N, C-alpha and C. Protein backbone atom coordinates (compact mmCIF):
# COMPACT_ATOMS: atom_id res chain seq x y z
N UNK A 1 -26.31 -103.89 -18.53
CA UNK A 1 -27.12 -102.64 -18.49
C UNK A 1 -27.22 -102.20 -19.96
N UNK A 2 -28.50 -101.84 -20.32
CA UNK A 2 -28.79 -101.50 -21.72
C UNK A 2 -28.56 -99.87 -21.75
N UNK A 3 -28.17 -99.52 -22.87
CA UNK A 3 -27.96 -98.04 -23.20
C UNK A 3 -29.11 -97.45 -23.72
N UNK A 4 -29.67 -96.21 -23.17
CA UNK A 4 -30.87 -95.66 -23.71
C UNK A 4 -30.72 -95.33 -25.06
N UNK A 5 -31.74 -95.33 -25.86
CA UNK A 5 -31.65 -95.03 -27.32
C UNK A 5 -32.37 -93.70 -27.44
N UNK A 6 -31.70 -92.73 -28.12
CA UNK A 6 -32.20 -91.46 -28.35
C UNK A 6 -33.38 -91.53 -29.33
N UNK A 7 -34.56 -90.80 -29.12
CA UNK A 7 -35.45 -90.70 -30.20
C UNK A 7 -34.97 -90.08 -31.44
N UNK A 8 -35.54 -90.56 -32.58
CA UNK A 8 -35.14 -90.11 -33.92
C UNK A 8 -34.92 -88.64 -34.15
N UNK A 9 -35.78 -87.84 -33.54
CA UNK A 9 -35.77 -86.42 -33.71
C UNK A 9 -34.69 -85.74 -33.01
N UNK A 10 -34.07 -86.46 -32.03
CA UNK A 10 -33.05 -85.80 -31.23
C UNK A 10 -31.63 -86.22 -31.76
N UNK A 11 -31.56 -87.07 -32.82
CA UNK A 11 -30.31 -87.46 -33.39
C UNK A 11 -29.60 -86.38 -34.20
N UNK A 12 -28.49 -86.19 -34.23
CA UNK A 12 -27.65 -85.15 -34.92
C UNK A 12 -27.68 -85.46 -36.48
N UNK A 13 -28.06 -84.48 -37.27
CA UNK A 13 -28.04 -84.70 -38.61
C UNK A 13 -26.57 -84.35 -39.11
N UNK A 14 -26.15 -85.16 -40.22
CA UNK A 14 -24.79 -84.94 -40.66
C UNK A 14 -24.87 -84.34 -41.93
N UNK A 15 -23.78 -83.56 -42.35
CA UNK A 15 -23.67 -82.92 -43.62
C UNK A 15 -24.19 -81.52 -43.65
N UNK A 16 -23.87 -80.83 -44.65
CA UNK A 16 -24.29 -79.46 -44.86
C UNK A 16 -25.81 -79.33 -45.31
N UNK A 17 -26.61 -78.73 -44.59
CA UNK A 17 -28.09 -78.68 -44.96
C UNK A 17 -28.19 -77.77 -46.26
N UNK A 18 -27.26 -76.86 -46.49
CA UNK A 18 -27.40 -76.08 -47.68
C UNK A 18 -26.57 -76.48 -48.86
N UNK A 19 -26.20 -77.72 -48.88
CA UNK A 19 -25.42 -78.35 -50.08
C UNK A 19 -26.45 -78.26 -51.20
N UNK A 20 -25.82 -77.83 -52.36
CA UNK A 20 -26.58 -77.59 -53.62
C UNK A 20 -27.33 -76.35 -53.83
N UNK A 21 -27.58 -75.54 -52.81
CA UNK A 21 -28.29 -74.42 -52.76
C UNK A 21 -27.46 -73.16 -53.18
N UNK A 22 -27.94 -72.18 -53.94
CA UNK A 22 -27.06 -71.16 -54.31
C UNK A 22 -26.94 -70.25 -53.07
N UNK A 23 -25.63 -69.63 -52.99
CA UNK A 23 -25.31 -68.85 -51.72
C UNK A 23 -26.15 -67.57 -51.87
N UNK A 24 -26.52 -66.89 -50.64
CA UNK A 24 -27.37 -65.68 -50.64
C UNK A 24 -26.46 -64.68 -51.29
N UNK A 25 -27.01 -63.59 -51.93
CA UNK A 25 -26.42 -62.46 -52.41
C UNK A 25 -25.66 -61.63 -51.25
N UNK A 26 -24.41 -61.14 -51.73
CA UNK A 26 -23.68 -60.36 -50.78
C UNK A 26 -24.48 -59.00 -50.51
N UNK A 27 -24.31 -58.45 -49.36
CA UNK A 27 -24.92 -57.16 -49.15
C UNK A 27 -24.34 -55.99 -50.03
N UNK A 28 -25.15 -55.00 -50.48
CA UNK A 28 -24.64 -53.97 -51.09
C UNK A 28 -24.12 -52.94 -50.30
N UNK A 29 -22.81 -52.47 -50.53
CA UNK A 29 -22.17 -51.65 -49.68
C UNK A 29 -22.04 -50.29 -50.54
N UNK A 30 -22.14 -49.04 -49.67
CA UNK A 30 -21.98 -47.71 -50.51
C UNK A 30 -20.64 -47.42 -50.68
N UNK A 31 -20.43 -46.75 -51.91
CA UNK A 31 -19.09 -46.48 -52.31
C UNK A 31 -18.66 -45.10 -51.34
N UNK A 32 -17.23 -44.88 -51.35
CA UNK A 32 -16.86 -43.72 -50.58
C UNK A 32 -17.43 -42.34 -51.22
N UNK A 33 -17.67 -42.31 -52.33
CA UNK A 33 -18.40 -41.26 -52.99
C UNK A 33 -19.81 -40.97 -52.37
N UNK A 34 -20.43 -42.15 -52.37
CA UNK A 34 -21.87 -42.16 -51.87
C UNK A 34 -21.87 -41.80 -50.31
N UNK A 35 -20.93 -42.25 -49.62
CA UNK A 35 -20.72 -41.83 -48.18
C UNK A 35 -20.50 -40.34 -48.02
N UNK A 36 -19.55 -39.86 -48.77
CA UNK A 36 -19.24 -38.37 -48.81
C UNK A 36 -20.56 -37.61 -49.06
N UNK A 37 -21.23 -37.89 -50.19
CA UNK A 37 -22.42 -37.17 -50.49
C UNK A 37 -23.47 -37.24 -49.40
N UNK A 38 -23.67 -38.32 -48.72
CA UNK A 38 -24.59 -38.57 -47.64
C UNK A 38 -24.13 -37.63 -46.47
N UNK A 39 -22.78 -37.55 -46.25
CA UNK A 39 -22.22 -36.77 -45.19
C UNK A 39 -22.58 -35.37 -45.31
N UNK A 40 -22.39 -34.94 -46.67
CA UNK A 40 -22.59 -33.49 -47.05
C UNK A 40 -24.11 -33.11 -47.06
N UNK A 41 -24.90 -34.21 -47.22
CA UNK A 41 -26.43 -34.12 -47.27
C UNK A 41 -26.79 -33.42 -48.69
N UNK A 42 -26.11 -33.95 -49.69
CA UNK A 42 -26.44 -33.54 -51.10
C UNK A 42 -27.51 -34.32 -51.72
N UNK A 43 -28.29 -33.80 -52.67
CA UNK A 43 -29.05 -34.42 -53.53
C UNK A 43 -28.38 -34.49 -54.98
N UNK A 44 -28.82 -35.34 -55.85
CA UNK A 44 -28.09 -35.43 -57.10
C UNK A 44 -28.01 -34.14 -57.87
N UNK A 45 -29.00 -33.35 -57.65
CA UNK A 45 -29.11 -32.04 -58.33
C UNK A 45 -28.14 -31.02 -57.74
N UNK A 46 -27.69 -31.18 -56.46
CA UNK A 46 -26.91 -30.36 -55.90
C UNK A 46 -25.27 -30.72 -56.01
N UNK A 47 -24.99 -31.81 -56.60
CA UNK A 47 -23.64 -32.35 -56.79
C UNK A 47 -22.72 -31.19 -57.54
N UNK A 48 -23.14 -30.65 -58.64
CA UNK A 48 -22.32 -29.84 -59.53
C UNK A 48 -22.03 -28.38 -58.83
N UNK A 49 -22.98 -28.00 -57.97
CA UNK A 49 -22.81 -26.81 -57.23
C UNK A 49 -22.20 -26.78 -56.01
N UNK A 50 -21.63 -27.96 -55.42
CA UNK A 50 -20.95 -28.05 -54.20
C UNK A 50 -19.59 -27.95 -54.26
N UNK A 51 -18.97 -26.86 -53.74
CA UNK A 51 -17.55 -26.75 -53.69
C UNK A 51 -16.85 -27.61 -52.89
N UNK A 52 -17.35 -28.14 -51.76
CA UNK A 52 -16.76 -29.10 -50.89
C UNK A 52 -16.72 -30.46 -51.61
N UNK A 53 -17.79 -30.86 -52.29
CA UNK A 53 -17.64 -32.15 -53.01
C UNK A 53 -16.73 -31.99 -54.09
N UNK A 54 -16.65 -30.92 -54.92
CA UNK A 54 -15.64 -30.82 -55.96
C UNK A 54 -14.23 -30.82 -55.33
N UNK A 55 -13.96 -30.27 -54.29
CA UNK A 55 -12.57 -30.32 -53.91
C UNK A 55 -12.19 -31.90 -53.32
N UNK A 56 -13.20 -32.39 -52.77
CA UNK A 56 -12.96 -33.81 -52.37
C UNK A 56 -12.74 -34.73 -53.64
N UNK A 57 -13.46 -34.51 -54.61
CA UNK A 57 -13.36 -35.24 -55.93
C UNK A 57 -12.12 -35.09 -56.45
N UNK A 58 -11.60 -33.77 -56.60
CA UNK A 58 -10.32 -33.47 -57.05
C UNK A 58 -9.11 -34.23 -56.31
N UNK A 59 -9.29 -34.27 -54.98
CA UNK A 59 -8.36 -34.93 -54.20
C UNK A 59 -8.33 -36.46 -54.39
N UNK A 60 -9.36 -36.95 -54.62
CA UNK A 60 -9.56 -38.39 -54.54
C UNK A 60 -9.86 -39.05 -55.96
N UNK A 61 -9.70 -38.31 -56.87
CA UNK A 61 -10.12 -38.69 -58.44
C UNK A 61 -9.41 -39.97 -58.80
N UNK A 62 -8.21 -40.16 -58.41
CA UNK A 62 -7.46 -41.28 -58.86
C UNK A 62 -7.50 -42.48 -57.88
N UNK A 63 -8.19 -42.23 -56.65
CA UNK A 63 -8.33 -43.34 -55.64
C UNK A 63 -9.71 -43.99 -55.51
N UNK A 64 -10.68 -43.29 -55.57
CA UNK A 64 -12.12 -43.78 -55.45
C UNK A 64 -12.95 -43.54 -56.71
N UNK A 65 -14.06 -44.34 -56.69
CA UNK A 65 -15.09 -44.13 -57.82
C UNK A 65 -15.74 -42.76 -57.76
N UNK A 66 -15.80 -42.06 -58.94
CA UNK A 66 -16.61 -40.86 -58.97
C UNK A 66 -17.37 -41.00 -60.17
N UNK A 67 -18.61 -40.75 -60.12
CA UNK A 67 -19.38 -40.88 -61.52
C UNK A 67 -18.79 -39.97 -62.74
N UNK A 68 -18.66 -40.75 -63.83
CA UNK A 68 -18.04 -40.12 -64.97
C UNK A 68 -18.67 -38.85 -65.38
N UNK A 69 -20.04 -38.78 -65.31
CA UNK A 69 -20.74 -37.57 -65.77
C UNK A 69 -20.36 -36.41 -64.77
N UNK A 70 -20.12 -36.64 -63.73
CA UNK A 70 -19.73 -35.60 -62.77
C UNK A 70 -18.22 -35.11 -63.12
N UNK A 71 -17.34 -36.03 -63.32
CA UNK A 71 -16.02 -35.70 -63.82
C UNK A 71 -16.00 -34.86 -65.02
N UNK A 72 -16.88 -35.24 -65.98
CA UNK A 72 -16.86 -34.52 -67.26
C UNK A 72 -17.60 -33.18 -66.98
N UNK A 73 -18.50 -33.13 -66.17
CA UNK A 73 -19.17 -31.79 -65.88
C UNK A 73 -18.09 -30.67 -65.37
N UNK A 74 -17.32 -31.18 -64.39
CA UNK A 74 -16.27 -30.40 -63.87
C UNK A 74 -14.89 -30.31 -64.64
N UNK A 75 -14.78 -31.17 -65.65
CA UNK A 75 -13.52 -31.15 -66.45
C UNK A 75 -12.27 -31.79 -65.77
N UNK A 76 -12.56 -32.59 -64.79
CA UNK A 76 -11.58 -33.22 -63.91
C UNK A 76 -11.09 -34.47 -64.80
N UNK A 77 -9.79 -34.71 -64.91
CA UNK A 77 -9.25 -35.93 -65.67
C UNK A 77 -8.71 -36.83 -64.82
N UNK A 78 -8.81 -38.14 -65.13
CA UNK A 78 -8.33 -39.26 -64.10
C UNK A 78 -7.12 -39.80 -64.83
N UNK A 79 -6.02 -40.03 -64.09
CA UNK A 79 -4.81 -40.69 -64.56
C UNK A 79 -5.05 -42.23 -64.68
N UNK A 80 -5.16 -42.73 -65.75
CA UNK A 80 -5.49 -44.34 -65.84
C UNK A 80 -4.39 -45.21 -65.35
N UNK A 81 -3.16 -44.56 -65.37
CA UNK A 81 -1.94 -45.32 -64.97
C UNK A 81 -1.50 -45.05 -63.54
N UNK A 82 -2.45 -44.35 -62.72
CA UNK A 82 -1.99 -44.02 -61.37
C UNK A 82 -1.92 -45.26 -60.46
N UNK A 83 -0.81 -45.22 -59.71
CA UNK A 83 -0.78 -46.45 -58.72
C UNK A 83 -0.43 -45.80 -57.34
N UNK A 84 -1.08 -46.09 -56.42
CA UNK A 84 -0.85 -45.54 -54.98
C UNK A 84 0.13 -46.42 -54.19
N UNK A 85 0.51 -47.46 -54.73
CA UNK A 85 1.46 -48.31 -54.09
C UNK A 85 2.97 -47.77 -53.89
N UNK A 86 3.31 -46.78 -54.52
CA UNK A 86 4.61 -46.25 -54.55
C UNK A 86 4.98 -45.57 -53.44
């Protein structure tokens, strides 16, 4: 008995079809600062006048990214040797 032969379009292609192509760019994720600003519904002009944002920045200054211009505006210093691993 003869085995049926699959048509050429139904055969499985071997190998990675994306070989040699650049990988797609990674998605851009918001920083914790941006998430907090969005939660407080602040615009860039409102950053310096927000007491809630300032308190959050003072608590998290050594842990998350906060724009340097905002830290300078409020006079908040960041400890460059801070380590939360302790």
